[in-house]
């Protein structure tokens, strides 16, 4: 994806959902140590809430570190 397009989407999401954007900046982007449990709940209109979670592993951390290092190195067609 074009980096400028990504910035546009990021800006729009931050404008539409400032609390979520701030949460990501303060909690997720500061790093999640091994053993952290990340829980996500989704509630669709008229449906029951569905929840799942993952426990962050050393392998997860390594994967995200690699992705962060390669950021900007991947060329789009």
Protein backbone atom coordinates (compact mmCIF):
# COMPACT_ATOMS: atom_id res chain seq x y z
CA UNK A 1 0.00 0.00 0.00
CA UNK A 2 1.18 3.49 -0.77
CA UNK A 3 2.62 5.16 2.39
CA UNK A 4 0.62 8.33 1.75
CA UNK A 5 -2.59 6.32 1.56
CA UNK A 6 -1.70 4.61 4.84
CA UNK A 7 -1.14 8.00 6.50
CA UNK A 8 -4.51 9.20 5.20
CA UNK A 9 -6.25 6.15 6.69
CA UNK A 10 -4.34 6.51 9.97
CA UNK A 11 -5.33 10.16 10.24
CA UNK A 12 -8.97 9.39 9.48
CA UNK A 13 -9.11 6.57 12.05
CA UNK A 14 -7.51 8.80 14.70
CA UNK A 15 -10.09 11.49 13.96
CA UNK A 16 -13.03 9.08 14.08
CA UNK A 17 -11.83 7.09 17.11
CA UNK A 18 -9.52 9.25 19.25
CA UNK A 19 -9.86 7.08 22.37
CA UNK A 20 -8.85 3.94 20.48
CA UNK A 21 -5.93 5.72 18.81
CA UNK A 22 -4.69 7.02 22.16
CA UNK A 23 -5.04 3.54 23.69
CA UNK A 24 -2.92 2.02 20.94
CA UNK A 25 -0.26 4.71 21.37
CA UNK A 26 -0.09 4.44 25.17
CA UNK A 27 -0.49 0.71 25.66
CA UNK A 28 0.33 -1.28 22.56
CA UNK A 29 3.05 0.81 20.90
CA UNK A 30 5.01 1.07 24.15
CA UNK A 31 5.59 -2.67 23.96
CA UNK A 32 3.91 -5.77 25.30
CA UNK A 33 6.23 -7.94 27.38
CA UNK A 34 6.13 -11.72 27.23
CA UNK A 35 3.24 -13.03 29.30
CA UNK A 36 0.95 -10.08 28.56
CA UNK A 37 -2.62 -11.14 27.83
CA UNK A 38 -4.38 -9.26 25.04
CA UNK A 39 -8.15 -9.65 25.06
CA UNK A 40 -10.52 -8.49 22.32
CA UNK A 41 -14.31 -8.34 22.50
CA UNK A 42 -16.61 -7.72 19.55
CA UNK A 43 -20.29 -6.89 19.95
CA UNK A 44 -22.31 -6.70 16.74
CA UNK A 45 -25.75 -5.06 16.82
CA UNK A 46 -28.34 -7.59 17.96
CA UNK A 47 -25.75 -10.26 18.77
CA UNK A 48 -23.99 -11.49 21.88
CA UNK A 49 -20.47 -10.32 22.63
CA UNK A 50 -17.70 -12.60 21.46
CA UNK A 51 -14.34 -12.47 23.26
CA UNK A 52 -10.96 -14.04 22.66
CA UNK A 53 -7.49 -13.56 24.07
CA UNK A 54 -3.86 -14.38 23.41
CA UNK A 55 -0.89 -14.56 25.72
CA UNK A 56 2.11 -12.79 24.18
CA UNK A 57 5.04 -15.16 23.63
CA UNK A 58 8.71 -14.54 22.94
CA UNK A 59 8.06 -15.66 19.34
CA UNK A 60 5.30 -13.04 18.99
CA UNK A 61 7.69 -10.33 20.16
CA UNK A 62 10.36 -11.48 17.71
CA UNK A 63 7.82 -11.50 14.86
CA UNK A 64 6.70 -7.93 15.59
CA UNK A 65 10.32 -6.79 15.98
CA UNK A 66 11.12 -8.19 12.54
CA UNK A 67 8.03 -6.53 11.05
CA UNK A 68 9.01 -3.22 12.64
CA UNK A 69 12.58 -3.50 11.26
CA UNK A 70 11.33 -4.23 7.74
CA UNK A 71 8.80 -1.38 7.81
CA UNK A 72 9.41 0.78 4.79
CA UNK A 73 11.69 -1.80 3.15
CA UNK A 74 8.83 -3.57 1.39
CA UNK A 75 8.11 -2.15 -2.05
CA UNK A 76 4.57 -2.09 -3.35
CA UNK A 77 3.73 -2.72 -6.98
